[in-house]
Protein backbone atom coordinates (compact mmCIF):
# COMPACT_ATOMS: atom_id res chain seq x y z
CA UNK A 1 0.00 0.00 0.00
CA UNK A 2 2.46 2.65 -1.19
CA UNK A 3 0.00 4.78 -3.14
CA UNK A 4 -1.15 8.10 -1.71
CA UNK A 5 -4.75 6.97 -2.35
CA UNK A 6 -6.07 3.99 -0.45
CA UNK A 7 -9.23 2.12 -1.45
CA UNK A 8 -10.61 0.41 1.65
CA UNK A 9 -13.83 -1.50 2.35
CA UNK A 10 -15.35 -0.93 5.78
CA UNK A 11 -17.83 -3.40 7.25
CA UNK A 12 -20.16 -2.78 10.19
CA UNK A 13 -22.86 -4.79 11.94
CA UNK A 14 -24.71 -2.99 14.73
CA UNK A 15 -26.29 -4.21 17.95
CA UNK A 16 -29.82 -3.57 16.70
CA UNK A 17 -29.42 -6.24 13.98
CA UNK A 18 -30.55 -3.92 11.20
CA UNK A 19 -28.02 -5.48 8.84
CA UNK A 20 -24.46 -5.33 7.53
CA UNK A 21 -23.27 -1.96 6.21
CA UNK A 22 -20.61 -2.08 3.50
CA UNK A 23 -18.74 1.06 2.43
CA UNK A 24 -15.96 1.20 -0.15
CA UNK A 25 -14.03 4.43 0.34
CA UNK A 26 -11.11 6.34 -1.05
CA UNK A 27 -8.80 7.87 1.57
CA UNK A 28 -6.21 10.48 0.61
CA UNK A 29 -3.93 12.43 2.90
CA UNK A 30 -3.33 16.03 1.89
CA UNK A 31 -1.07 18.20 4.01
CA UNK A 32 -1.95 17.32 7.62
CA UNK A 33 -5.49 16.01 7.11
CA UNK A 34 -7.24 12.99 5.68
CA UNK A 35 -9.94 13.35 3.06
CA UNK A 36 -12.35 10.61 2.10
CA UNK A 37 -14.90 9.83 -0.56
CA UNK A 38 -17.57 7.16 -0.43
CA UNK A 39 -17.36 5.22 -3.70
CA UNK A 40 -19.92 2.49 -3.08
CA UNK A 41 -22.28 1.54 -0.28
CA UNK A 42 -24.74 -1.23 0.39
CA UNK A 43 -26.69 -2.60 3.34
CA UNK A 44 -27.51 -6.30 3.53
CA UNK A 45 -30.60 -6.73 5.70
CA UNK A 46 -30.37 -9.90 7.76
CA UNK A 47 -32.83 -12.63 6.89
CA UNK A 48 -34.76 -14.39 9.66
CA UNK A 49 -32.14 -17.12 9.99
CA UNK A 50 -29.22 -14.76 10.52
CA UNK A 51 -31.25 -12.57 12.87
CA UNK A 52 -32.02 -15.62 14.97
CA UNK A 53 -28.45 -16.91 14.95
CA UNK A 54 -26.90 -13.58 15.91
CA UNK A 55 -29.50 -12.64 18.50
CA UNK A 56 -29.05 -16.00 20.26
CA UNK A 57 -25.27 -16.24 19.87
CA UNK A 58 -24.59 -15.34 23.51
CA UNK A 59 -26.45 -18.48 24.60
CA UNK A 60 -24.42 -20.89 22.45
CA UNK A 61 -21.94 -23.38 23.82
CA UNK A 62 -18.30 -22.49 23.27
CA UNK A 63 -17.79 -24.89 20.36
CA UNK A 64 -20.96 -23.73 18.58
CA UNK A 65 -20.01 -20.08 19.06
CA UNK A 66 -16.58 -20.74 17.53
CA UNK A 67 -18.28 -22.48 14.62
CA UNK A 68 -20.67 -19.54 14.15
CA UNK A 69 -17.70 -17.15 14.26
CA UNK A 70 -16.15 -18.91 11.26
CA UNK A 71 -19.43 -19.36 9.37
CA UNK A 72 -20.29 -15.70 9.84
CA UNK A 73 -16.82 -14.79 8.57
CA UNK A 74 -17.45 -16.81 5.41
CA UNK A 75 -20.84 -15.13 5.05
CA UNK A 76 -19.29 -11.65 5.34
CA UNK A 77 -16.66 -12.65 2.81
CA UNK A 78 -19.34 -13.61 0.30
CA UNK A 79 -21.16 -10.31 0.87
CA UNK A 80 -17.91 -8.49 0.17
CA UNK A 81 -17.33 -10.51 -3.00
CA UNK A 82 -20.82 -9.55 -4.20
CA UNK A 83 -20.16 -5.88 -3.44
CA UNK A 84 -16.84 -5.92 -5.26
CA UNK A 85 -18.53 -7.49 -8.26
CA UNK A 86 -21.45 -5.03 -8.20
CA UNK A 87 -19.25 -1.96 -7.76
CA UNK A 88 -16.40 -2.98 -10.03
CA UNK A 89 -14.04 -1.69 -7.33
CA UNK A 90 -11.60 -4.02 -5.61
CA UNK A 91 -10.27 -2.60 -2.34
CA UNK A 92 -6.71 -3.21 -1.20
CA UNK A 93 -7.92 -3.73 2.37
CA UNK A 94 -11.02 -4.83 4.29
CA UNK A 95 -11.77 -3.51 7.78
CA UNK A 96 -14.43 -5.49 9.62
CA UNK A 97 -15.86 -4.59 13.02
CA UNK A 98 -17.70 -7.92 13.29
CA UNK A 99 -20.86 -8.53 15.29
CA UNK A 100 -20.62 -8.07 19.05
CA UNK A 101 -21.72 -11.07 21.12
CA UNK A 102 -20.11 -10.19 24.45
CA UNK A 103 -18.79 -6.87 25.68
CA UNK A 104 -17.43 -7.07 29.21
CA UNK A 105 -14.33 -4.87 29.34
CA UNK A 106 -14.51 -4.72 33.15
CA UNK A 107 -13.93 -8.47 33.10
CA UNK A 108 -11.17 -8.16 30.50
CA UNK A 109 -12.83 -9.17 27.24
CA UNK A 110 -15.01 -8.16 24.32
CA UNK A 111 -16.04 -10.62 21.61
CA UNK A 112 -16.95 -9.79 18.01
CA UNK A 113 -17.63 -12.68 15.63
CA UNK A 114 -16.99 -12.87 11.89
CA UNK A 115 -13.46 -14.23 11.86
CA UNK A 116 -10.96 -12.20 9.85
CA UNK A 117 -9.16 -15.31 8.60
CA UNK A 118 -12.34 -16.58 6.96
CA UNK A 119 -13.06 -13.19 5.38
CA UNK A 120 -9.51 -13.04 4.02
CA UNK A 121 -9.67 -16.59 2.66
CA UNK A 122 -13.06 -16.00 1.02
CA UNK A 123 -12.13 -12.67 -0.60
CA UNK A 124 -8.39 -12.97 -1.19
CA UNK A 125 -8.00 -9.48 0.31
CA UNK A 126 -6.07 -8.49 3.44
CA UNK A 127 -8.36 -7.99 6.44
CA UNK A 128 -8.15 -6.03 9.68
CA UNK A 129 -10.55 -7.33 12.33
CA UNK A 130 -10.84 -7.74 16.12
CA UNK A 131 -10.46 -4.01 16.77
CA UNK A 132 -11.37 -4.06 20.47
CA UNK A 133 -9.15 -6.69 22.08
CA UNK A 134 -5.89 -4.74 22.18
CA UNK A 135 -7.49 -1.75 23.87
CA UNK A 136 -9.28 -3.95 26.42
CA UNK A 137 -5.98 -5.70 27.19
CA UNK A 138 -4.54 -2.21 27.63
CA UNK A 139 -7.06 -1.45 30.36
CA UNK A 140 -9.60 0.32 28.13
CA UNK A 141 -13.28 -0.16 27.37
CA UNK A 142 -12.51 -1.21 23.80
CA UNK A 143 -15.27 1.23 22.83
CA UNK A 144 -16.33 3.48 21.38
CA UNK A 145 -13.83 3.36 18.49
CA UNK A 146 -15.56 5.61 15.96
CA UNK A 147 -14.51 8.85 17.78
CA UNK A 148 -11.04 8.48 16.26
CA UNK A 149 -12.69 8.90 12.87
CA UNK A 150 -14.92 11.66 14.24
CA UNK A 151 -11.81 13.64 15.10
CA UNK A 152 -9.81 13.08 11.93
CA UNK A 153 -12.54 12.78 9.28
CA UNK A 154 -15.35 14.94 10.73
CA UNK A 155 -13.35 17.24 13.00
CA UNK A 156 -14.91 20.43 11.64
CA UNK A 157 -17.98 19.73 13.77
CA UNK A 158 -17.97 20.56 17.48
CA UNK A 159 -19.40 17.15 18.38
CA UNK A 160 -20.59 13.95 16.71
CA UNK A 161 -23.66 12.06 17.93
CA UNK A 162 -24.54 8.57 16.75
CA UNK A 163 -28.14 7.38 17.15
CA UNK A 164 -27.60 3.66 16.69
CA UNK A 165 -28.50 0.67 18.80
CA UNK A 166 -26.97 2.76 21.57
CA UNK A 167 -26.36 6.48 21.33
CA UNK A 168 -22.82 7.74 21.76
CA UNK A 169 -21.14 11.09 21.45
CA UNK A 170 -17.61 12.40 20.92
CA UNK A 171 -16.01 15.85 21.12
CA UNK A 172 -12.82 17.61 22.16
CA UNK A 173 -12.68 18.48 25.85
CA UNK A 174 -9.79 20.15 27.66
CA UNK A 175 -7.45 19.42 24.76
CA UNK A 176 -8.39 15.75 24.33
CA UNK A 177 -10.98 13.78 22.41
CA UNK A 178 -13.47 12.19 24.75
CA UNK A 179 -16.42 9.95 23.94
CA UNK A 180 -18.86 7.65 25.65
CA UNK A 181 -22.14 5.84 25.24
CA UNK A 182 -25.19 7.78 26.43
CA UNK A 183 -28.19 5.45 26.43
CA UNK A 184 -29.95 2.73 24.42
CA UNK A 185 -31.91 3.93 21.39
CA UNK A 186 -32.79 1.70 18.43
CA UNK A 187 -32.08 -1.53 20.28
CA UNK A 188 -34.87 -0.82 22.78
CA UNK A 189 -37.23 0.90 20.33
CA UNK A 190 -36.97 -2.12 18.02
CA UNK A 191 -37.42 -4.51 20.95
CA UNK A 192 -40.75 -2.91 21.84
CA UNK A 193 -41.88 -2.40 18.23
CA UNK A 194 -41.46 -6.11 17.44
CA UNK A 195 -44.01 -6.90 20.14
CA UNK A 196 -46.59 -5.11 17.98
CA UNK A 197 -45.55 -6.93 14.79
CA UNK A 198 -43.27 -4.21 13.40
CA UNK A 199 -39.49 -4.44 12.94
CA UNK A 200 -39.07 -0.86 14.16
CA UNK A 201 -41.08 2.22 15.11
CA UNK A 202 -41.07 4.08 11.80
CA UNK A 203 -40.87 7.83 12.43
CA UNK A 204 -42.07 7.25 15.98
CA UNK A 205 -45.61 6.42 14.83
CA UNK A 206 -46.19 4.05 17.76
CA UNK A 207 -44.51 6.25 20.35
CA UNK A 208 -46.56 9.26 19.26
CA UNK A 209 -49.75 7.42 20.21
CA UNK A 210 -48.60 6.80 23.76
CA UNK A 211 -48.29 8.90 26.88
CA UNK A 212 -45.21 9.21 29.04
CA UNK A 213 -45.26 7.20 32.25
CA UNK A 214 -43.48 9.51 34.69
CA UNK A 215 -42.83 6.74 37.22
CA UNK A 216 -41.21 4.54 34.58
CA UNK A 217 -39.23 7.48 33.24
CA UNK A 218 -37.86 8.22 36.72
CA UNK A 219 -36.80 4.59 37.18
CA UNK A 220 -34.96 4.59 33.85
CA UNK A 221 -33.25 7.91 34.50
CA UNK A 222 -32.16 6.63 37.93
CA UNK A 223 -30.16 3.68 36.56
CA UNK A 224 -26.65 3.68 37.98
CA UNK A 225 -24.92 3.90 34.58
CA UNK A 226 -26.12 7.46 34.08
CA UNK A 227 -24.18 8.62 37.14
CA UNK A 228 -20.94 6.92 36.08
CA UNK A 229 -18.13 9.08 34.79
CA UNK A 230 -16.67 8.70 31.31
CA UNK A 231 -15.08 6.72 29.80
CA UNK A 232 -17.97 4.28 29.80
CA UNK A 233 -19.70 2.02 27.32
CA UNK A 234 -22.96 0.12 27.13
CA UNK A 235 -23.57 -3.48 26.13
CA UNK A 236 -26.35 -5.93 25.43
CA UNK A 237 -25.51 -7.58 28.75
CA UNK A 238 -26.21 -4.31 30.58
CA UNK A 239 -29.42 -3.88 28.63
CA UNK A 240 -30.63 -7.37 29.57
CA UNK A 241 -29.63 -7.10 33.22
CA UNK A 242 -30.40 -3.48 34.10
CA UNK A 243 -32.69 -1.88 31.52
CA UNK A 244 -35.09 -4.51 30.20
CA UNK A 245 -36.30 -5.69 33.63
CA UNK A 246 -37.48 -2.14 34.37
CA UNK A 247 -39.37 -2.08 31.07
CA UNK A 248 -40.74 -5.62 31.21
CA UNK A 249 -42.03 -5.35 34.80
CA UNK A 250 -43.97 -2.19 34.03
CA UNK A 251 -47.68 -2.55 33.25
CA UNK A 252 -47.94 0.34 30.79
CA UNK A 253 -49.17 -0.21 27.25
CA UNK A 254 -46.53 -0.72 24.57
CA UNK A 255 -47.31 2.70 23.14
CA UNK A 256 -46.83 4.31 26.58
CA UNK A 257 -43.57 2.43 27.05
CA UNK A 258 -42.32 3.65 23.68
CA UNK A 259 -43.35 7.21 24.46
CA UNK A 260 -41.47 6.98 27.74
CA UNK A 261 -38.37 5.60 25.99
CA UNK A 262 -38.35 8.55 23.60
CA UNK A 263 -38.48 10.97 26.52
CA UNK A 264 -35.75 9.01 28.28
CA UNK A 265 -33.45 9.12 25.23
CA UNK A 266 -33.99 12.84 24.73
CA UNK A 267 -33.51 13.60 28.44
CA UNK A 268 -30.18 11.74 28.58
CA UNK A 269 -28.82 13.25 25.37
CA UNK A 270 -29.83 16.81 26.21
CA UNK A 271 -28.39 16.42 29.71
CA UNK A 272 -24.97 15.63 28.20
CA UNK A 273 -25.19 18.52 25.73
CA UNK A 274 -25.90 20.93 28.59
CA UNK A 275 -23.23 19.46 30.85
CA UNK A 276 -20.49 20.03 28.27
CA UNK A 277 -21.89 23.24 26.77
CA UNK A 278 -22.20 21.71 23.30
CA UNK A 279 -24.10 23.82 20.79
CA UNK A 280 -23.38 22.05 17.49
CA UNK A 281 -24.02 18.35 16.95
CA UNK A 282 -23.38 16.33 13.78
CA UNK A 283 -25.96 13.52 13.89
CA UNK A 284 -25.75 10.14 12.13
CA UNK A 285 -26.95 6.57 12.63
CA UNK A 286 -30.25 4.83 11.96
CA UNK A 287 -32.13 6.85 14.58
CA UNK A 288 -31.55 9.97 12.49
CA UNK A 289 -34.22 8.67 10.09
CA UNK A 290 -36.75 8.76 12.94
CA UNK A 291 -38.32 12.16 12.35
CA UNK A 292 -40.15 12.03 15.66
CA UNK A 293 -36.96 11.47 17.64
CA UNK A 294 -35.14 14.27 15.81
CA UNK A 295 -38.13 16.57 16.36
CA UNK A 296 -38.08 15.86 20.10
CA UNK A 297 -34.35 16.59 20.26
CA UNK A 298 -34.80 19.89 18.42
CA UNK A 299 -37.79 20.79 20.57
CA UNK A 300 -35.93 20.09 23.83
CA UNK A 301 -32.76 22.03 23.15
CA UNK A 302 -31.37 25.15 21.51
CA UNK A 303 -28.51 23.11 20.10
CA UNK A 304 -27.98 23.05 16.32
CA UNK A 305 -28.45 19.47 15.13
CA UNK A 306 -26.75 19.04 11.75
CA UNK A 307 -28.24 16.25 9.64
CA UNK A 308 -25.99 15.22 6.71
CA UNK A 309 -26.85 13.37 3.49
CA UNK A 310 -28.45 9.93 3.71
CA UNK A 311 -25.28 8.03 2.79
CA UNK A 312 -23.32 9.68 5.60
CA UNK A 313 -26.16 9.03 8.04
CA UNK A 314 -26.25 5.34 7.15
CA UNK A 315 -22.60 4.53 6.44
CA UNK A 316 -20.50 6.80 8.65
CA UNK A 317 -19.55 3.96 11.02
CA UNK A 318 -18.57 1.65 8.14
CA UNK A 319 -16.55 4.51 6.62
CA UNK A 320 -14.77 5.12 9.91
CA UNK A 321 -13.93 1.45 10.38
CA UNK A 322 -12.40 1.51 6.91
CA UNK A 323 -10.28 4.41 8.14
CA UNK A 324 -9.35 2.58 11.37
CA UNK A 325 -8.30 -0.43 9.31
CA UNK A 326 -6.15 1.77 7.09
CA UNK A 327 -4.43 3.29 10.13
CA UNK A 328 -3.73 -0.21 11.45
CA UNK A 329 -2.29 -1.25 8.10
CA UNK A 330 -0.04 1.81 8.11
CA UNK A 331 1.00 1.04 11.71
CA UNK A 332 -0.46 4.32 12.96
CA UNK A 333 -2.37 4.93 16.19
CA UNK A 334 -6.11 4.37 15.68
CA UNK A 335 -7.40 4.16 19.26
CA UNK A 336 -7.37 7.03 21.76
CA UNK A 337 -6.84 6.37 25.47
CA UNK A 338 -8.73 9.58 26.29
CA UNK A 339 -11.81 7.94 24.75
CA UNK A 340 -11.57 4.37 26.04
CA UNK A 341 -9.77 4.88 29.35
CA UNK A 342 -6.82 2.68 28.34
CA UNK A 343 -3.33 3.23 29.71
CA UNK A 344 -2.03 4.45 26.34
CA UNK A 345 -3.05 5.29 22.81
CA UNK A 346 -2.66 2.19 20.70
CA UNK A 347 -2.76 0.53 17.31
CA UNK A 348 -5.76 -1.81 17.33
CA UNK A 349 -6.84 -4.59 15.01
CA UNK A 350 -5.55 -8.01 13.99
CA UNK A 351 -4.32 -8.43 10.39
CA UNK A 352 -5.15 -11.46 8.25
CA UNK A 353 -3.49 -11.76 4.87
CA UNK A 354 -5.59 -12.63 1.85
CA UNK A 355 -4.64 -15.05 -0.91
CA UNK A 356 -3.40 -12.74 -3.69
CA UNK A 357 -4.12 -15.45 -6.28
CA UNK A 358 -7.87 -14.94 -5.87
């Protein structure tokens, strides 16, 4: 990779199981900054089988989880091959986040499946994967990782907010980039929407029909995580142990629960914006398509919420992971200790070499 232009494919699967985002990007360094251009993008929506396999992965025995890790890697490799064929663009590098099954940095591990070796073998292209392990071993949370890209690709904005399965934010504070998860968003909205037969609450249609349950809202806002100091990150384990029991044991209607969740999300996000005196927020992630949620955010704050084009909304995380993979391949720092709480900045990601004969 000696060229000044690098063509990299970034791959992202989120906690809300919406699908696999694929972004083929061009990265060029000019002077002291990196510029990027999205050349091709595609989202593969999981079928029922893959949704079931991934949602239940945490319950598998060790041998079956290892098997799924390899099978999912082959599956991702085939998706990449299809995208390369459709786009006519062959990247020199693949950067894959994988799908998170376990995230327990306090216990010393985080597990993302979709093995890099299988992706490399299937595609014949070098792969960077397993981005979190090195930072966790270094005493960090292993997350969030996207703030590195926020700083060096989208640094003209005061702050970057992602409305994904979980919401997270990043910004410069006292001379350093800091970032942390704020609260669950799509992962809990989808969870409740599926109980009514929908995959998600499109534009907040279900939540609009409900009324906020103030008692439930108080319980959610009182969860211990919200008083923890950054760096901090959320996980499906936390959701299952701390958040869902509060929701499931409440007798409100589904519409009232959804309405309460919307108020909870907005309360937690606006609280952070006020705490750090943020007045400009660049917003991406699937939740940005939820007009009701965006309306509530605008209505609850004087902050300027900047909504970019649809491709940036949907593929920013895949773009950033492509950038993180490129930094790893160039042996440059791609993980900030100020974000994750690790002992040092580090170079994260394991490299798997592809078969150049393919």
